[in-house]
Amino acid sequence: MLDLGLTLDLPITTEQVQGHTVYRVAENALVACFEEAVDFKIVDTIAEWQPLKAVFRDSSFTDDKDRINVETRFKRLSPETSITVI
């Protein structure tokens, strides 16, 4: 969170989306999903929330094509969101 410019004292909640855990920091300041396999239904739901920042694990995606598609979906549904893949 510090690397993304957020302080550690912000409230963090968890939600279940398509059976996967999604973390929300300060409502929509940051939304993160670190599940093993992230499908596009999860990505679309997160994008519809229009967070300022979204974070995913690199290994959550099958290949580079899926990672690029995530960025494309966010550009369409939430163009202001900054996406980070770690």
PDB file of N, CA and C in Angstrom:
ATOM      1  N   MET A   1       0.819  -1.186   0.000  1.00  0.00           N
ATOM      2  CA  MET A   1       0.000   0.000   0.000  1.00  0.00           C
ATOM      3  C   MET A   1       0.863   1.251   0.000  1.00  0.00           C
ATOM      4  N   LEU A   2       1.946   1.200   0.743  1.00  0.00           N
ATOM      5  CA  LEU A   2       2.823   2.370   0.788  1.00  0.00           C
ATOM      6  C   LEU A   2       3.406   2.677  -0.580  1.00  0.00           C
ATOM      7  N   ASP A   3       3.776   1.633  -1.325  1.00  0.00           N
ATOM      8  CA  ASP A   3       4.320   1.833  -2.665  1.00  0.00           C
ATOM      9  C   ASP A   3       3.315   2.486  -3.607  1.00  0.00           C
ATOM     10  N   LEU A   4       2.037   2.317  -3.310  1.00  0.00           N
ATOM     11  CA  LEU A   4       0.989   2.890  -4.145  1.00  0.00           C
ATOM     12  C   LEU A   4       0.522   4.259  -3.645  1.00  0.00           C
ATOM     13  N   GLY A   5       1.203   4.765  -2.618  1.00  0.00           N
ATOM     14  CA  GLY A   5       0.885   6.089  -2.120  1.00  0.00           C
ATOM     15  C   GLY A   5      -0.248   6.135  -1.121  1.00  0.00           C
ATOM     16  N   LEU A   6      -0.568   4.995  -0.497  1.00  0.00           N
ATOM     17  CA  LEU A   6      -1.649   4.947   0.482  1.00  0.00           C
ATOM     18  C   LEU A   6      -1.074   4.688   1.868  1.00  0.00           C
ATOM     19  N   THR A   7      -1.682   5.273   2.880  1.00  0.00           N
ATOM     20  CA  THR A   7      -1.210   5.061   4.244  1.00  0.00           C
ATOM     21  C   THR A   7      -1.787   3.769   4.808  1.00  0.00           C
ATOM     22  N   LEU A   8      -1.123   3.238   5.808  1.00  0.00           N
ATOM     23  CA  LEU A   8      -1.518   1.958   6.384  1.00  0.00           C
ATOM     24  C   LEU A   8      -2.701   2.057   7.340  1.00  0.00           C
ATOM     25  N   ASP A   9      -3.144   3.250   7.654  1.00  0.00           N
ATOM     26  CA  ASP A   9      -4.244   3.408   8.592  1.00  0.00           C
ATOM     27  C   ASP A   9      -5.619   3.474   7.910  1.00  0.00           C
ATOM     28  N   LEU A  10      -5.667   3.289   6.611  1.00  0.00           N
ATOM     29  CA  LEU A  10      -6.945   3.322   5.890  1.00  0.00           C
ATOM     30  C   LEU A  10      -7.731   2.046   6.170  1.00  0.00           C
ATOM     31  N   PRO A  11      -9.056   2.137   6.220  1.00  0.00           N
ATOM     32  CA  PRO A  11      -9.867   0.945   6.491  1.00  0.00           C
ATOM     33  C   PRO A  11      -9.836  -0.041   5.318  1.00  0.00           C
ATOM     34  N   ILE A  12      -9.743  -1.324   5.659  1.00  0.00           N
ATOM     35  CA  ILE A  12      -9.715  -2.391   4.652  1.00  0.00           C
ATOM     36  C   ILE A  12     -10.889  -3.321   4.907  1.00  0.00           C
ATOM     37  N   THR A  13     -11.653  -3.593   3.848  1.00  0.00           N
ATOM     38  CA  THR A  13     -12.747  -4.549   3.940  1.00  0.00           C
ATOM     39  C   THR A  13     -12.530  -5.639   2.897  1.00  0.00           C
ATOM     40  N   THR A  14     -13.186  -6.771   3.096  1.00  0.00           N
ATOM     41  CA  THR A  14     -13.121  -7.846   2.105  1.00  0.00           C
ATOM     42  C   THR A  14     -14.521  -8.119   1.587  1.00  0.00           C
ATOM     43  N   GLU A  15     -14.576  -8.507   0.339  1.00  0.00           N
ATOM     44  CA  GLU A  15     -15.838  -8.892  -0.294  1.00  0.00           C
ATOM     45  C   GLU A  15     -15.609 -10.163  -1.087  1.00  0.00           C
ATOM     46  N   GLN A  16     -16.649 -10.929  -1.251  1.00  0.00           N
ATOM     47  CA  GLN A  16     -16.602 -12.124  -2.081  1.00  0.00           C
ATOM     48  C   GLN A  16     -17.207 -11.792  -3.441  1.00  0.00           C
ATOM     49  N   VAL A  17     -16.430 -12.005  -4.485  1.00  0.00           N
ATOM     50  CA  VAL A  17     -16.881 -11.786  -5.856  1.00  0.00           C
ATOM     51  C   VAL A  17     -16.644 -13.077  -6.618  1.00  0.00           C
ATOM     52  N   GLN A  18     -17.702 -13.687  -7.089  1.00  0.00           N
ATOM     53  CA  GLN A  18     -17.606 -14.947  -7.829  1.00  0.00           C
ATOM     54  C   GLN A  18     -16.844 -15.999  -7.006  1.00  0.00           C
ATOM     55  N   GLY A  19     -17.002 -15.954  -5.685  1.00  0.00           N
ATOM     56  CA  GLY A  19     -16.343 -16.922  -4.809  1.00  0.00           C
ATOM     57  C   GLY A  19     -14.875 -16.617  -4.530  1.00  0.00           C
ATOM     58  N   HIS A  20     -14.397 -15.444  -4.906  1.00  0.00           N
ATOM     59  CA  HIS A  20     -13.015 -15.047  -4.677  1.00  0.00           C
ATOM     60  C   HIS A  20     -12.966 -13.843  -3.738  1.00  0.00           C
ATOM     61  N   THR A  21     -11.915 -13.754  -2.945  1.00  0.00           N
ATOM     62  CA  THR A  21     -11.769 -12.660  -1.998  1.00  0.00           C
ATOM     63  C   THR A  21     -11.167 -11.438  -2.695  1.00  0.00           C
ATOM     64  N   VAL A  22     -11.833 -10.314  -2.502  1.00  0.00           N
ATOM     65  CA  VAL A  22     -11.374  -9.032  -3.051  1.00  0.00           C
ATOM     66  C   VAL A  22     -11.243  -8.065  -1.879  1.00  0.00           C
ATOM     67  N   TYR A  23     -10.119  -7.380  -1.819  1.00  0.00           N
ATOM     68  CA  TYR A  23      -9.851  -6.421  -0.748  1.00  0.00           C
ATOM     69  C   TYR A  23     -10.130  -5.012  -1.252  1.00  0.00           C
ATOM     70  N   ARG A  24     -10.835  -4.241  -0.418  1.00  0.00           N
ATOM     71  CA  ARG A  24     -11.129  -2.849  -0.747  1.00  0.00           C
ATOM     72  C   ARG A  24     -10.545  -1.963   0.337  1.00  0.00           C
ATOM     73  N   VAL A  25      -9.726  -1.027  -0.065  1.00  0.00           N
ATOM     74  CA  VAL A  25      -9.091  -0.098   0.867  1.00  0.00           C
ATOM     75  C   VAL A  25      -9.764   1.257   0.708  1.00  0.00           C
ATOM     76  N   ALA A  26     -10.281   1.784   1.830  1.00  0.00           N
ATOM     77  CA  ALA A  26     -10.953   3.090   1.833  1.00  0.00           C
ATOM     78  C   ALA A  26     -11.980   3.157   0.709  1.00  0.00           C
ATOM     79  N   GLU A  27     -12.900   2.197   0.732  1.00  0.00           N
ATOM     80  CA  GLU A  27     -13.946   2.064  -0.289  1.00  0.00           C
ATOM     81  C   GLU A  27     -13.349   1.773  -1.662  1.00  0.00           C
ATOM     82  N   ASN A  28     -12.960   2.804  -2.393  1.00  0.00           N
ATOM     83  CA  ASN A  28     -12.457   2.610  -3.755  1.00  0.00           C
ATOM     84  C   ASN A  28     -11.096   3.231  -4.010  1.00  0.00           C
ATOM     85  N   ALA A  29     -10.346   3.512  -2.944  1.00  0.00           N
ATOM     86  CA  ALA A  29      -9.000   4.031  -3.167  1.00  0.00           C
ATOM     87  C   ALA A  29      -8.130   2.953  -3.798  1.00  0.00           C
ATOM     88  N   LEU A  30      -8.312   1.719  -3.346  1.00  0.00           N
ATOM     89  CA  LEU A  30      -7.551   0.586  -3.865  1.00  0.00           C
ATOM     90  C   LEU A  30      -8.422  -0.655  -3.773  1.00  0.00           C
ATOM     91  N   VAL A  31      -8.458  -1.430  -4.840  1.00  0.00           N
ATOM     92  CA  VAL A  31      -9.128  -2.728  -4.843  1.00  0.00           C
ATOM     93  C   VAL A  31      -8.101  -3.743  -5.321  1.00  0.00           C
ATOM     94  N   ALA A  32      -7.968  -4.839  -4.564  1.00  0.00           N
ATOM     95  CA  ALA A  32      -6.950  -5.835  -4.897  1.00  0.00           C
ATOM     96  C   ALA A  32      -7.537  -7.236  -4.847  1.00  0.00           C
ATOM     97  N   CYS A  33      -7.099  -8.064  -5.778  1.00  0.00           N
ATOM     98  CA  CYS A  33      -7.475  -9.476  -5.803  1.00  0.00           C
ATOM     99  C   CYS A  33      -6.204 -10.278  -6.060  1.00  0.00           C
ATOM    100  N   PHE A  34      -5.881 -11.168  -5.123  1.00  0.00           N
ATOM    101  CA  PHE A  34      -4.654 -11.953  -5.214  1.00  0.00           C
ATOM    102  C   PHE A  34      -4.934 -13.440  -5.398  1.00  0.00           C
ATOM    103  N   GLU A  35      -6.108 -13.779  -5.878  1.00  0.00           N
ATOM    104  CA  GLU A  35      -6.490 -15.181  -6.063  1.00  0.00           C
ATOM    105  C   GLU A  35      -5.631 -15.844  -7.136  1.00  0.00           C
ATOM    106  N   GLU A  36      -5.604 -17.177  -7.090  1.00  0.00           N
ATOM    107  CA  GLU A  36      -4.818 -17.964  -8.052  1.00  0.00           C
ATOM    108  C   GLU A  36      -5.284 -17.754  -9.488  1.00  0.00           C
ATOM    109  N   ALA A  37      -6.583 -17.787  -9.686  1.00  0.00           N
ATOM    110  CA  ALA A  37      -7.129 -17.653 -11.047  1.00  0.00           C
ATOM    111  C   ALA A  37      -8.202 -16.570 -11.035  1.00  0.00           C
ATOM    112  N   VAL A  38      -7.936 -15.489 -11.728  1.00  0.00           N
ATOM    113  CA  VAL A  38      -8.881 -14.383 -11.811  1.00  0.00           C
ATOM    114  C   VAL A  38      -9.505 -14.409 -13.202  1.00  0.00           C
ATOM    115  N   ASP A  39     -10.837 -14.537 -13.244  1.00  0.00           N
ATOM    116  CA  ASP A  39     -11.481 -14.525 -14.555  1.00  0.00           C
ATOM    117  C   ASP A  39     -12.042 -13.130 -14.843  1.00  0.00           C
ATOM    118  N   PHE A  40     -12.542 -12.954 -16.037  1.00  0.00           N
ATOM    119  CA  PHE A  40     -12.962 -11.619 -16.460  1.00  0.00           C
ATOM    120  C   PHE A  40     -14.248 -11.153 -15.790  1.00  0.00           C
ATOM    121  N   LYS A  41     -15.028 -12.051 -15.214  1.00  0.00           N
ATOM    122  CA  LYS A  41     -16.202 -11.623 -14.451  1.00  0.00           C
ATOM    123  C   LYS A  41     -15.764 -10.850 -13.214  1.00  0.00           C
ATOM    124  N   ILE A  42     -14.702 -11.325 -12.578  1.00  0.00           N
ATOM    125  CA  ILE A  42     -14.157 -10.626 -11.408  1.00  0.00           C
ATOM    126  C   ILE A  42     -13.578  -9.277 -11.833  1.00  0.00           C
ATOM    127  N   VAL A  43     -12.818  -9.289 -12.903  1.00  0.00           N
ATOM    128  CA  VAL A  43     -12.203  -8.055 -13.412  1.00  0.00           C
ATOM    129  C   VAL A  43     -13.279  -7.037 -13.749  1.00  0.00           C
ATOM    130  N   ASP A  44     -14.332  -7.461 -14.422  1.00  0.00           N
ATOM    131  CA  ASP A  44     -15.404  -6.539 -14.796  1.00  0.00           C
ATOM    132  C   ASP A  44     -16.106  -5.963 -13.568  1.00  0.00           C
ATOM    133  N   THR A  45     -16.345  -6.799 -12.558  1.00  0.00           N
ATOM    134  CA  THR A  45     -16.986  -6.323 -11.327  1.00  0.00           C
ATOM    135  C   THR A  45     -16.129  -5.274 -10.656  1.00  0.00           C
ATOM    136  N   ILE A  46     -14.829  -5.544 -10.545  1.00  0.00           N
ATOM    137  CA  ILE A  46     -13.925  -4.575  -9.929  1.00  0.00           C
ATOM    138  C   ILE A  46     -13.883  -3.288 -10.753  1.00  0.00           C
ATOM    139  N   ALA A  47     -13.818  -3.400 -12.050  1.00  0.00           N
ATOM    140  CA  ALA A  47     -13.780  -2.217 -12.912  1.00  0.00           C
ATOM    141  C   ALA A  47     -15.062  -1.391 -12.781  1.00  0.00           C
ATOM    142  N   GLU A  48     -16.196  -2.045 -12.613  1.00  0.00           N
ATOM    143  CA  GLU A  48     -17.461  -1.327 -12.455  1.00  0.00           C
ATOM    144  C   GLU A  48     -17.494  -0.513 -11.163  1.00  0.00           C
ATOM    145  N   TRP A  49     -16.721  -0.924 -10.161  1.00  0.00           N
ATOM    146  CA  TRP A  49     -16.620  -0.141  -8.924  1.00  0.00           C
ATOM    147  C   TRP A  49     -15.843   1.153  -9.150  1.00  0.00           C
ATOM    148  N   GLN A  50     -15.085   1.233 -10.217  1.00  0.00           N
ATOM    149  CA  GLN A  50     -14.275   2.389 -10.600  1.00  0.00           C
ATOM    150  C   GLN A  50     -13.310   2.827  -9.495  1.00  0.00           C
ATOM    151  N   PRO A  51     -12.443   1.907  -9.063  1.00  0.00           N
ATOM    152  CA  PRO A  51     -11.463   2.283  -8.036  1.00  0.00           C
ATOM    153  C   PRO A  51     -10.393   3.204  -8.614  1.00  0.00           C
ATOM    154  N   LEU A  52      -9.705   3.904  -7.726  1.00  0.00           N
ATOM    155  CA  LEU A  52      -8.583   4.733  -8.173  1.00  0.00           C
ATOM    156  C   LEU A  52      -7.421   3.845  -8.602  1.00  0.00           C
ATOM    157  N   LYS A  53      -7.203   2.746  -7.849  1.00  0.00           N
ATOM    158  CA  LYS A  53      -6.119   1.813  -8.151  1.00  0.00           C
ATOM    159  C   LYS A  53      -6.644   0.386  -8.034  1.00  0.00           C
ATOM    160  N   ALA A  54      -6.137  -0.494  -8.889  1.00  0.00           N
ATOM    161  CA  ALA A  54      -6.476  -1.915  -8.836  1.00  0.00           C
ATOM    162  C   ALA A  54      -5.178  -2.717  -8.902  1.00  0.00           C
ATOM    163  N   VAL A  55      -5.098  -3.766  -8.079  1.00  0.00           N
ATOM    164  CA  VAL A  55      -3.885  -4.582  -8.011  1.00  0.00           C
ATOM    165  C   VAL A  55      -4.254  -6.049  -8.180  1.00  0.00           C
ATOM    166  N   PHE A  56      -3.468  -6.739  -9.015  1.00  0.00           N
ATOM    167  CA  PHE A  56      -3.639  -8.172  -9.247  1.00  0.00           C
ATOM    168  C   PHE A  56      -2.281  -8.862  -9.175  1.00  0.00           C
ATOM    169  N   ARG A  57      -2.300 -10.169  -8.914  1.00  0.00           N
ATOM    170  CA  ARG A  57      -1.077 -10.977  -8.974  1.00  0.00           C
ATOM    171  C   ARG A  57      -0.801 -11.350 -10.416  1.00  0.00           C
ATOM    172  N   ASP A  58       0.455 -11.325 -10.800  1.00  0.00           N
ATOM    173  CA  ASP A  58       0.835 -11.704 -12.157  1.00  0.00           C
ATOM    174  C   ASP A  58       0.442 -13.150 -12.447  1.00  0.00           C
ATOM    175  N   SER A  59       0.636 -14.021 -11.476  1.00  0.00           N
ATOM    176  CA  SER A  59       0.341 -15.441 -11.686  1.00  0.00           C
ATOM    177  C   SER A  59      -1.154 -15.743 -11.714  1.00  0.00           C
ATOM    178  N   SER A  60      -1.989 -14.736 -11.468  1.00  0.00           N
ATOM    179  CA  SER A  60      -3.444 -14.928 -11.533  1.00  0.00           C
ATOM    180  C   SER A  60      -3.952 -15.095 -12.958  1.00  0.00           C
ATOM    181  N   PHE A  61      -3.115 -14.683 -13.912  1.00  0.00           N
ATOM    182  CA  PHE A  61      -3.536 -14.712 -15.308  1.00  0.00           C
ATOM    183  C   PHE A  61      -2.833 -15.844 -16.050  1.00  0.00           C
ATOM    184  N   THR A  62      -3.549 -16.454 -16.962  1.00  0.00           N
ATOM    185  CA  THR A  62      -3.035 -17.594 -17.710  1.00  0.00           C
ATOM    186  C   THR A  62      -1.821 -17.222 -18.543  1.00  0.00           C
ATOM    187  N   ASP A  63      -1.894 -16.078 -19.209  1.00  0.00           N
ATOM    188  CA  ASP A  63      -0.785 -15.656 -20.063  1.00  0.00           C
ATOM    189  C   ASP A  63      -0.810 -14.130 -20.227  1.00  0.00           C
ATOM    190  N   ASP A  64       0.147 -13.620 -20.979  1.00  0.00           N
ATOM    191  CA  ASP A  64       0.248 -12.170 -21.188  1.00  0.00           C
ATOM    192  C   ASP A  64      -0.979 -11.605 -21.891  1.00  0.00           C
ATOM    193  N   LYS A  65      -1.583 -12.402 -22.746  1.00  0.00           N
ATOM    194  CA  LYS A  65      -2.772 -11.957 -23.469  1.00  0.00           C
ATOM    195  C   LYS A  65      -3.893 -11.609 -22.480  1.00  0.00           C
ATOM    196  N   ASP A  66      -4.070 -12.437 -21.452  1.00  0.00           N
ATOM    197  CA  ASP A  66      -5.104 -12.158 -20.456  1.00  0.00           C
ATOM    198  C   ASP A  66      -4.792 -10.880 -19.678  1.00  0.00           C
ATOM    199  N   ARG A  67      -3.521 -10.661 -19.365  1.00  0.00           N
ATOM    200  CA  ARG A  67      -3.133  -9.437 -18.667  1.00  0.00           C
ATOM    201  C   ARG A  67      -3.440  -8.198 -19.498  1.00  0.00           C
ATOM    202  N   ILE A  68      -3.162  -8.271 -20.781  1.00  0.00           N
ATOM    203  CA  ILE A  68      -3.452  -7.150 -21.678  1.00  0.00           C
ATOM    204  C   ILE A  68      -4.957  -6.920 -21.770  1.00  0.00           C
ATOM    205  N   ASN A  69      -5.733  -8.004 -21.796  1.00  0.00           N
ATOM    206  CA  ASN A  69      -7.188  -7.883 -21.847  1.00  0.00           C
ATOM    207  C   ASN A  69      -7.741  -7.213 -20.595  1.00  0.00           C
ATOM    208  N   VAL A  70      -7.092  -7.438 -19.454  1.00  0.00           N
ATOM    209  CA  VAL A  70      -7.517  -6.769 -18.223  1.00  0.00           C
ATOM    210  C   VAL A  70      -7.377  -5.262 -18.382  1.00  0.00           C
ATOM    211  N   GLU A  71      -6.257  -4.833 -18.894  1.00  0.00           N
ATOM    212  CA  GLU A  71      -6.046  -3.401 -19.101  1.00  0.00           C
ATOM    213  C   GLU A  71      -7.070  -2.827 -20.074  1.00  0.00           C
ATOM    214  N   THR A  72      -7.383  -3.568 -21.121  1.00  0.00           N
ATOM    215  CA  THR A  72      -8.372  -3.131 -22.110  1.00  0.00           C
ATOM    216  C   THR A  72      -9.750  -2.998 -21.481  1.00  0.00           C
ATOM    217  N   ARG A  73     -10.123  -3.951 -20.650  1.00  0.00           N
ATOM    218  CA  ARG A  73     -11.430  -3.909 -19.989  1.00  0.00           C
ATOM    219  C   ARG A  73     -11.519  -2.698 -19.053  1.00  0.00           C
ATOM    220  N   PHE A  74     -10.449  -2.446 -18.307  1.00  0.00           N
ATOM    221  CA  PHE A  74     -10.460  -1.291 -17.413  1.00  0.00           C
ATOM    222  C   PHE A  74     -10.535   0.007 -18.203  1.00  0.00           C
ATOM    223  N   LYS A  75      -9.852   0.096 -19.325  1.00  0.00           N
ATOM    224  CA  LYS A  75      -9.919   1.316 -20.134  1.00  0.00           C
ATOM    225  C   LYS A  75     -11.344   1.583 -20.591  1.00  0.00           C
ATOM    226  N   ARG A  76     -12.083   0.515 -20.845  1.00  0.00           N
ATOM    227  CA  ARG A  76     -13.458   0.657 -21.306  1.00  0.00           C
ATOM    228  C   ARG A  76     -14.417   0.966 -20.149  1.00  0.00           C
ATOM    229  N   LEU A  77     -14.271   0.258 -19.027  1.00  0.00           N
ATOM    230  CA  LEU A  77     -15.229   0.375 -17.914  1.00  0.00           C
ATOM    231  C   LEU A  77     -14.827   1.412 -16.864  1.00  0.00           C
ATOM    232  N   SER A  78     -13.529   1.625 -16.688  1.00  0.00           N
ATOM    233  CA  SER A  78     -13.060   2.537 -15.660  1.00  0.00           C
ATOM    234  C   SER A  78     -11.736   3.161 -16.094  1.00  0.00           C
ATOM    235  N   PRO A  79     -11.784   4.068 -17.049  1.00  0.00           N
ATOM    236  CA  PRO A  79     -10.553   4.604 -17.654  1.00  0.00           C
ATOM    237  C   PRO A  79      -9.623   5.335 -16.696  1.00  0.00           C
ATOM    238  N   GLU A  80     -10.119   5.817 -15.571  1.00  0.00           N
ATOM    239  CA  GLU A  80      -9.296   6.560 -14.619  1.00  0.00           C
ATOM    240  C   GLU A  80      -8.522   5.650 -13.656  1.00  0.00           C
ATOM    241  N   THR A  81      -8.819   4.359 -13.654  1.00  0.00           N
ATOM    242  CA  THR A  81      -8.176   3.431 -12.719  1.00  0.00           C
ATOM    243  C   THR A  81      -6.739   3.136 -13.137  1.00  0.00           C
ATOM    244  N   SER A  82      -5.846   3.198 -12.166  1.00  0.00           N
ATOM    245  CA  SER A  82      -4.452   2.815 -12.373  1.00  0.00           C
ATOM    246  C   SER A  82      -4.321   1.344 -11.996  1.00  0.00           C
ATOM    247  N   ILE A  83      -3.798   0.529 -12.916  1.00  0.00           N
ATOM    248  CA  ILE A  83      -3.683  -0.921 -12.709  1.00  0.00           C
ATOM    249  C   ILE A  83      -2.246  -1.294 -12.436  1.00  0.00           C
ATOM    250  N   THR A  84      -2.054  -2.121 -11.397  1.00  0.00           N
ATOM    251  CA  THR A  84      -0.734  -2.647 -11.060  1.00  0.00           C
ATOM    252  C   THR A  84      -0.814  -4.156 -10.996  1.00  0.00           C
ATOM    253  N   VAL A  85       0.130  -4.821 -11.648  1.00  0.00           N
ATOM    254  CA  VAL A  85       0.227  -6.290 -11.583  1.00  0.00           C
ATOM    255  C   VAL A  85       1.570  -6.596 -10.933  1.00  0.00           C
ATOM    256  N   ILE A  86       1.499  -7.321  -9.812  1.00  0.00           N
ATOM    257  CA  ILE A  86       2.738  -7.638  -9.078  1.00  0.00           C
ATOM    258  C   ILE A  86       3.041  -9.122  -9.113  1.00  0.00           C
TER     259      ILE A  86
END
